[in-house]
PDB file of N, CA and C in Angstrom:
ATOM      1  N   UNK A   1       0.674  -1.390   0.189  1.00  0.00           N
ATOM      2  CA  UNK A   1       0.141  -0.213  -0.168  1.00  0.00           C
ATOM      3  C   UNK A   1       1.172   1.894  -0.080  1.00  0.00           C
ATOM      4  N   UNK A   2       0.358   2.499  -0.818  1.00  0.00           N
ATOM      5  CA  UNK A   2       0.979   3.214  -0.680  1.00  0.00           C
ATOM      6  C   UNK A   2       0.674   4.466   0.163  1.00  0.00           C
ATOM      7  N   UNK A   3       1.633   5.211   0.876  1.00  0.00           N
ATOM      8  CA  UNK A   3       1.355   5.948   2.303  1.00  0.00           C
ATOM      9  C   UNK A   3       1.120   7.319   1.812  1.00  0.00           C
ATOM     10  N   UNK A   4       0.357   9.034   2.110  1.00  0.00           N
ATOM     11  CA  UNK A   4       0.748  10.169   1.721  1.00  0.00           C
ATOM     12  C   UNK A   4       2.217  10.167   2.640  1.00  0.00           C
ATOM     13  N   UNK A   5       2.823  11.138   2.602  1.00  0.00           N
ATOM     14  CA  UNK A   5       3.558  11.942   3.117  1.00  0.00           C
ATOM     15  C   UNK A   5       3.085  13.400   3.704  1.00  0.00           C
ATOM     16  N   UNK A   6       3.690  14.092   4.326  1.00  0.00           N
ATOM     17  CA  UNK A   6       3.621  15.349   5.018  1.00  0.00           C
ATOM     18  C   UNK A   6       3.166  16.326   4.041  1.00  0.00           C
ATOM     19  N   UNK A   7       3.912  16.251   2.869  1.00  0.00           N
ATOM     20  CA  UNK A   7       4.228  17.441   1.459  1.00  0.00           C
ATOM     21  C   UNK A   7       3.880  17.123   0.980  1.00  0.00           C
ATOM     22  N   UNK A   8       3.376  15.635   0.834  1.00  0.00           N
ATOM     23  CA  UNK A   8       3.343  14.730  -0.605  1.00  0.00           C
ATOM     24  C   UNK A   8       1.949  13.806  -0.441  1.00  0.00           C
ATOM     25  N   UNK A   9       1.047  14.568  -1.331  1.00  0.00           N
ATOM     26  CA  UNK A   9      -0.256  13.335  -1.461  1.00  0.00           C
ATOM     27  C   UNK A   9      -0.165  12.297  -2.146  1.00  0.00           C
ATOM     28  N   UNK A  10      -1.236  11.449  -2.106  1.00  0.00           N
ATOM     29  CA  UNK A  10      -1.252  10.604  -3.080  1.00  0.00           C
ATOM     30  C   UNK A  10      -1.354  10.702  -4.329  1.00  0.00           C
ATOM     31  N   UNK A  11      -1.311  10.158  -5.296  1.00  0.00           N
ATOM     32  CA  UNK A  11      -1.535  10.446  -6.965  1.00  0.00           C
ATOM     33  C   UNK A  11      -2.905   9.828  -7.135  1.00  0.00           C
ATOM     34  N   UNK A  12      -3.259   9.935  -8.287  1.00  0.00           N
ATOM     35  CA  UNK A  12      -4.544   9.421  -8.775  1.00  0.00           C
ATOM     36  C   UNK A  12      -4.653   7.788  -8.678  1.00  0.00           C
ATOM     37  N   UNK A  13      -3.078   7.453  -9.523  1.00  0.00           N
ATOM     38  CA  UNK A  13      -2.719   5.999  -9.499  1.00  0.00           C
ATOM     39  C   UNK A  13      -2.639   5.157  -8.338  1.00  0.00           C
ATOM     40  N   UNK A  14      -1.695   5.641  -7.469  1.00  0.00           N
ATOM     41  CA  UNK A  14      -1.530   5.401  -5.824  1.00  0.00           C
ATOM     42  C   UNK A  14      -2.575   5.232  -5.157  1.00  0.00           C
ATOM     43  N   UNK A  15      -3.759   5.953  -5.248  1.00  0.00           N
ATOM     44  CA  UNK A  15      -4.963   5.899  -4.815  1.00  0.00           C
ATOM     45  C   UNK A  15      -5.605   4.615  -4.881  1.00  0.00           C
ATOM     46  N   UNK A  16      -5.235   4.389  -6.772  1.00  0.00           N
ATOM     47  CA  UNK A  16      -6.297   3.087  -7.406  1.00  0.00           C
ATOM     48  C   UNK A  16      -5.835   2.119  -7.042  1.00  0.00           C
ATOM     49  N   UNK A  17      -4.933   2.078  -6.724  1.00  0.00           N
ATOM     50  CA  UNK A  17      -4.257   0.460  -6.188  1.00  0.00           C
ATOM     51  C   UNK A  17      -3.932   0.423  -4.881  1.00  0.00           C
ATOM     52  N   UNK A  18      -4.118   1.586  -4.374  1.00  0.00           N
ATOM     53  CA  UNK A  18      -4.489   1.076  -2.865  1.00  0.00           C
ATOM     54  C   UNK A  18      -6.017   0.560  -2.672  1.00  0.00           C
ATOM     55  N   UNK A  19      -6.894   0.916  -3.546  1.00  0.00           N
ATOM     56  CA  UNK A  19      -8.301   0.558  -3.345  1.00  0.00           C
ATOM     57  C   UNK A  19      -8.391  -1.031  -4.006  1.00  0.00           C
ATOM     58  N   UNK A  20      -7.543  -1.698  -4.781  1.00  0.00           N
ATOM     59  CA  UNK A  20      -7.642  -2.704  -5.264  1.00  0.00           C
ATOM     60  C   UNK A  20      -7.152  -3.813  -4.246  1.00  0.00           C
ATOM     61  N   UNK A  21      -5.855  -3.249  -3.917  1.00  0.00           N
ATOM     62  CA  UNK A  21      -5.072  -4.027  -2.821  1.00  0.00           C
ATOM     63  C   UNK A  21      -5.631  -3.739  -1.333  1.00  0.00           C
ATOM     64  N   UNK A  22      -6.755  -2.915  -1.152  1.00  0.00           N
ATOM     65  CA  UNK A  22      -7.061  -3.172   0.089  1.00  0.00           C
ATOM     66  C   UNK A  22      -8.568  -4.138   0.432  1.00  0.00           C
ATOM     67  N   UNK A  23      -9.170  -4.549  -0.919  1.00  0.00           N
ATOM     68  CA  UNK A  23     -10.244  -5.179  -1.009  1.00  0.00           C
ATOM     69  C   UNK A  23      -9.734  -6.688  -0.834  1.00  0.00           C
ATOM     70  N   UNK A  24      -8.546  -7.137  -0.639  1.00  0.00           N
ATOM     71  CA  UNK A  24      -8.144  -8.738  -1.124  1.00  0.00           C
ATOM     72  C   UNK A  24      -7.421  -8.528  -0.183  1.00  0.00           C
ATOM     73  N   UNK A  25      -6.676  -7.463   0.741  1.00  0.00           N
ATOM     74  CA  UNK A  25      -6.055  -7.548   1.788  1.00  0.00           C
ATOM     75  C   UNK A  25      -7.042  -7.517   3.333  1.00  0.00           C
ATOM     76  N   UNK A  26      -8.459  -7.328   2.877  1.00  0.00           N
ATOM     77  CA  UNK A  26      -8.839  -7.176   4.332  1.00  0.00           C
ATOM     78  C   UNK A  26      -9.374  -8.512   4.572  1.00  0.00           C
ATOM     79  N   UNK A  27      -9.636  -9.492   3.549  1.00  0.00           N
ATOM     80  CA  UNK A  27     -10.322 -10.571   3.883  1.00  0.00           C
ATOM     81  C   UNK A  27      -9.003 -11.394   4.293  1.00  0.00           C
ATOM     82  N   UNK A  28      -7.245 -11.371   3.611  1.00  0.00           N
ATOM     83  CA  UNK A  28      -6.524 -12.352   4.366  1.00  0.00           C
ATOM     84  C   UNK A  28      -5.910 -11.394   5.651  1.00  0.00           C
ATOM     85  N   UNK A  29      -6.040 -10.117   6.076  1.00  0.00           N
ATOM     86  CA  UNK A  29      -5.852  -9.793   7.248  1.00  0.00           C
ATOM     87  C   UNK A  29      -7.095 -10.262   8.424  1.00  0.00           C
ATOM     88  N   UNK A  30      -8.159 -10.314   7.577  1.00  0.00           N
ATOM     89  CA  UNK A  30      -9.268 -10.797   9.153  1.00  0.00           C
ATOM     90  C   UNK A  30      -8.948 -12.279   9.105  1.00  0.00           C
ATOM     91  N   UNK A  31      -8.955 -13.371   7.877  1.00  0.00           N
ATOM     92  CA  UNK A  31      -8.285 -14.554   8.879  1.00  0.00           C
ATOM     93  C   UNK A  31      -6.645 -14.693   9.389  1.00  0.00           C
ATOM     94  N   UNK A  32      -6.084 -13.917   9.302  1.00  0.00           N
ATOM     95  CA  UNK A  32      -4.907 -13.604  10.220  1.00  0.00           C
ATOM     96  C   UNK A  32      -5.282 -13.466  11.325  1.00  0.00           C
ATOM     97  N   UNK A  33      -5.997 -12.429  11.455  1.00  0.00           N
ATOM     98  CA  UNK A  33      -6.493 -11.921  13.193  1.00  0.00           C
ATOM     99  C   UNK A  33      -7.635 -12.468  13.651  1.00  0.00           C
ATOM    100  N   UNK A  34      -8.459 -13.522  13.089  1.00  0.00           N
ATOM    101  CA  UNK A  34      -9.174 -14.362  13.901  1.00  0.00           C
ATOM    102  C   UNK A  34      -8.266 -15.772  14.359  1.00  0.00           C
ATOM    103  N   UNK A  35      -7.159 -15.641  13.368  1.00  0.00           N
ATOM    104  CA  UNK A  35      -6.058 -17.318  14.154  1.00  0.00           C
ATOM    105  C   UNK A  35      -5.664 -16.889  15.556  1.00  0.00           C
ATOM    106  N   UNK A  36      -5.055 -15.371  15.363  1.00  0.00           N
ATOM    107  CA  UNK A  36      -4.508 -14.861  16.301  1.00  0.00           C
ATOM    108  C   UNK A  36      -5.318 -14.471  17.758  1.00  0.00           C
ATOM    109  N   UNK A  37      -6.058 -13.992  17.029  1.00  0.00           N
ATOM    110  CA  UNK A  37      -7.072 -13.868  18.339  1.00  0.00           C
ATOM    111  C   UNK A  37      -8.204 -14.646  18.737  1.00  0.00           C
ATOM    112  N   UNK A  38      -8.654 -15.508  17.929  1.00  0.00           N
ATOM    113  CA  UNK A  38      -8.989 -16.931  18.635  1.00  0.00           C
ATOM    114  C   UNK A  38      -8.959 -18.290  18.769  1.00  0.00           C
ATOM    115  N   UNK A  39      -8.002 -18.481  18.482  1.00  0.00           N
ATOM    116  CA  UNK A  39      -6.882 -19.351  18.071  1.00  0.00           C
ATOM    117  C   UNK A  39      -5.844 -19.651  18.894  1.00  0.00           C
ATOM    118  N   UNK A  40      -5.308 -18.245  19.397  1.00  0.00           N
ATOM    119  CA  UNK A  40      -3.954 -18.010  19.952  1.00  0.00           C
ATOM    120  C   UNK A  40      -2.874 -18.563  20.070  1.00  0.00           C
ATOM    121  N   UNK A  41      -2.754 -18.079  18.063  1.00  0.00           N
ATOM    122  CA  UNK A  41      -1.549 -18.202  17.210  1.00  0.00           C
ATOM    123  C   UNK A  41      -0.701 -16.667  17.525  1.00  0.00           C
ATOM    124  N   UNK A  42      -0.444 -16.887  18.637  1.00  0.00           N
ATOM    125  CA  UNK A  42       0.798 -15.633  18.318  1.00  0.00           C
ATOM    126  C   UNK A  42       1.847 -15.488  18.342  1.00  0.00           C
ATOM    127  N   UNK A  43       1.978 -17.006  18.960  1.00  0.00           N
ATOM    128  CA  UNK A  43       3.636 -17.253  18.527  1.00  0.00           C
ATOM    129  C   UNK A  43       3.741 -18.950  18.551  1.00  0.00           C
ATOM    130  N   UNK A  44       4.901 -19.506  17.941  1.00  0.00           N
ATOM    131  CA  UNK A  44       4.873 -20.853  17.655  1.00  0.00           C
ATOM    132  C   UNK A  44       5.218 -21.342  19.006  1.00  0.00           C
ATOM    133  N   UNK A  45       4.388 -22.622  19.287  1.00  0.00           N
ATOM    134  CA  UNK A  45       4.836 -23.233  20.596  1.00  0.00           C
ATOM    135  C   UNK A  45       5.991 -24.333  20.339  1.00  0.00           C
ATOM    136  N   UNK A  46       6.780 -24.895  19.051  1.00  0.00           N
ATOM    137  CA  UNK A  46       7.661 -25.278  19.115  1.00  0.00           C
ATOM    138  C   UNK A  46       8.763 -25.025  18.191  1.00  0.00           C
ATOM    139  N   UNK A  47       9.922 -25.385  18.340  1.00  0.00           N
ATOM    140  CA  UNK A  47      11.009 -24.840  17.343  1.00  0.00           C
ATOM    141  C   UNK A  47      11.075 -25.655  15.961  1.00  0.00           C
ATOM    142  N   UNK A  48      11.578 -24.997  15.175  1.00  0.00           N
ATOM    143  CA  UNK A  48      12.038 -25.994  13.635  1.00  0.00           C
ATOM    144  C   UNK A  48      10.349 -25.497  12.601  1.00  0.00           C
ATOM    145  N   UNK A  49      10.918 -25.548  11.603  1.00  0.00           N
ATOM    146  CA  UNK A  49      10.453 -25.199  10.929  1.00  0.00           C
ATOM    147  C   UNK A  49       9.356 -25.782  10.546  1.00  0.00           C
ATOM    148  N   UNK A  50       9.430 -27.125  10.143  1.00  0.00           N
ATOM    149  CA  UNK A  50       8.524 -28.191  10.418  1.00  0.00           C
ATOM    150  C   UNK A  50       7.146 -28.317  10.946  1.00  0.00           C
ATOM    151  N   UNK A  51       7.601 -28.375  12.667  1.00  0.00           N
ATOM    152  CA  UNK A  51       6.793 -28.095  13.849  1.00  0.00           C
ATOM    153  C   UNK A  51       6.002 -26.977  13.147  1.00  0.00           C
ATOM    154  N   UNK A  52       6.211 -25.752  13.288  1.00  0.00           N
ATOM    155  CA  UNK A  52       5.988 -24.692  13.046  1.00  0.00           C
ATOM    156  C   UNK A  52       4.978 -24.621  12.358  1.00  0.00           C
ATOM    157  N   UNK A  53       5.260 -24.938  10.671  1.00  0.00           N
ATOM    158  CA  UNK A  53       4.366 -25.505   9.507  1.00  0.00           C
ATOM    159  C   UNK A  53       3.245 -26.212  10.170  1.00  0.00           C
ATOM    160  N   UNK A  54       3.579 -27.257  10.569  1.00  0.00           N
ATOM    161  CA  UNK A  54       2.356 -28.233  11.034  1.00  0.00           C
ATOM    162  C   UNK A  54       1.434 -27.768  11.662  1.00  0.00           C
ATOM    163  N   UNK A  55       1.909 -26.714  12.897  1.00  0.00           N
ATOM    164  CA  UNK A  55       0.852 -26.145  13.916  1.00  0.00           C
ATOM    165  C   UNK A  55       0.178 -24.872  13.036  1.00  0.00           C
ATOM    166  N   UNK A  56       0.529 -24.359  12.276  1.00  0.00           N
ATOM    167  CA  UNK A  56       0.110 -23.180  11.388  1.00  0.00           C
ATOM    168  C   UNK A  56      -1.299 -24.021  10.275  1.00  0.00           C
ATOM    169  N   UNK A  57      -0.577 -24.865   9.922  1.00  0.00           N
ATOM    170  CA  UNK A  57      -1.727 -26.054   9.173  1.00  0.00           C
ATOM    171  C   UNK A  57      -3.026 -26.558   9.869  1.00  0.00           C
ATOM    172  N   UNK A  58      -2.638 -26.853  10.977  1.00  0.00           N
ATOM    173  CA  UNK A  58      -3.278 -27.326  11.978  1.00  0.00           C
ATOM    174  C   UNK A  58      -4.615 -26.398  11.966  1.00  0.00           C
ATOM    175  N   UNK A  59      -3.726 -25.088  12.399  1.00  0.00           N
ATOM    176  CA  UNK A  59      -5.078 -24.101  12.977  1.00  0.00           C
ATOM    177  C   UNK A  59      -5.325 -23.672  11.764  1.00  0.00           C
ATOM    178  N   UNK A  60      -5.089 -23.895  10.593  1.00  0.00           N
ATOM    179  CA  UNK A  60      -5.761 -23.391   9.246  1.00  0.00           C
ATOM    180  C   UNK A  60      -6.797 -24.005   9.244  1.00  0.00           C
ATOM    181  N   UNK A  61      -6.595 -25.599   9.382  1.00  0.00           N
ATOM    182  CA  UNK A  61      -7.770 -26.556   9.539  1.00  0.00           C
ATOM    183  C   UNK A  61      -8.807 -26.378  10.356  1.00  0.00           C
ATOM    184  N   UNK A  62      -8.468 -26.246  11.062  1.00  0.00           N
ATOM    185  CA  UNK A  62      -9.906 -25.751  12.254  1.00  0.00           C
ATOM    186  C   UNK A  62     -10.447 -25.024  12.383  1.00  0.00           C
ATOM    187  N   UNK A  63      -9.898 -23.725  11.751  1.00  0.00           N
ATOM    188  CA  UNK A  63     -10.580 -22.470  11.320  1.00  0.00           C
ATOM    189  C   UNK A  63     -11.460 -22.663  10.043  1.00  0.00           C
ATOM    190  N   UNK A  64     -10.758 -23.071   9.082  1.00  0.00           N
ATOM    191  CA  UNK A  64     -11.708 -23.693   7.718  1.00  0.00           C
ATOM    192  C   UNK A  64     -13.182 -24.456   8.205  1.00  0.00           C
ATOM    193  N   UNK A  65     -12.499 -25.613   8.756  1.00  0.00           N
ATOM    194  CA  UNK A  65     -13.542 -26.205   9.549  1.00  0.00           C
ATOM    195  C   UNK A  65     -14.889 -26.024  10.157  1.00  0.00           C
ATOM    196  N   UNK A  66     -14.342 -25.174  10.909  1.00  0.00           N
ATOM    197  CA  UNK A  66     -15.205 -24.006  11.676  1.00  0.00           C
ATOM    198  C   UNK A  66     -15.986 -23.158  11.104  1.00  0.00           C
ATOM    199  N   UNK A  67     -15.326 -22.735   9.936  1.00  0.00           N
ATOM    200  CA  UNK A  67     -16.555 -21.482   8.784  1.00  0.00           C
ATOM    201  C   UNK A  67     -17.068 -22.432   8.168  1.00  0.00           C
ATOM    202  N   UNK A  68     -16.247 -23.523   7.651  1.00  0.00           N
ATOM    203  CA  UNK A  68     -17.295 -24.310   7.143  1.00  0.00           C
ATOM    204  C   UNK A  68     -19.136 -25.075   7.863  1.00  0.00           C
ATOM    205  N   UNK A  69     -18.566 -25.245   9.075  1.00  0.00           N
ATOM    206  CA  UNK A  69     -19.898 -25.714   9.596  1.00  0.00           C
ATOM    207  C   UNK A  69     -20.925 -24.594   9.966  1.00  0.00           C
ATOM    208  N   UNK A  70     -20.121 -23.375  10.454  1.00  0.00           N
ATOM    209  CA  UNK A  70     -21.320 -22.430  10.565  1.00  0.00           C
ATOM    210  C   UNK A  70     -22.083 -22.037   9.296  1.00  0.00           C
ATOM    211  N   UNK A  71     -21.253 -21.690   8.353  1.00  0.00           N
ATOM    212  CA  UNK A  71     -22.082 -21.789   6.403  1.00  0.00           C
ATOM    213  C   UNK A  71     -22.661 -22.859   6.483  1.00  0.00           C
ATOM    214  N   UNK A  72     -22.583 -23.747   6.969  1.00  0.00           N
ATOM    215  CA  UNK A  72     -23.797 -25.044   6.714  1.00  0.00           C
ATOM    216  C   UNK A  72     -23.464 -25.690   5.449  1.00  0.00           C
ATOM    217  N   UNK A  73     -22.181 -25.600   4.899  1.00  0.00           N
ATOM    218  CA  UNK A  73     -21.724 -26.292   3.670  1.00  0.00           C
ATOM    219  C   UNK A  73     -21.532 -28.142   4.411  1.00  0.00           C
ATOM    220  N   UNK A  74     -21.007 -28.504   5.293  1.00  0.00           N
ATOM    221  CA  UNK A  74     -21.138 -29.808   6.088  1.00  0.00           C
ATOM    222  C   UNK A  74     -22.263 -30.442   5.925  1.00  0.00           C
TER     223      UNK A  74
END
């Protein structure tokens, strides 16, 4: 995202780009916010990339399953 400075306003192209980016970014940030707030995923509980990736994938699966049940997809 582009950011205006004290003596420099955003151009029309920068504002347009920000609007397009924000529509996608809001959906992604909402999911990460829910994982952090609702599932306690502030920091990894174990060391090692493989274990941290597994922990994140399990949290993401739980998030998606809960979302599917609430929407009635299952």
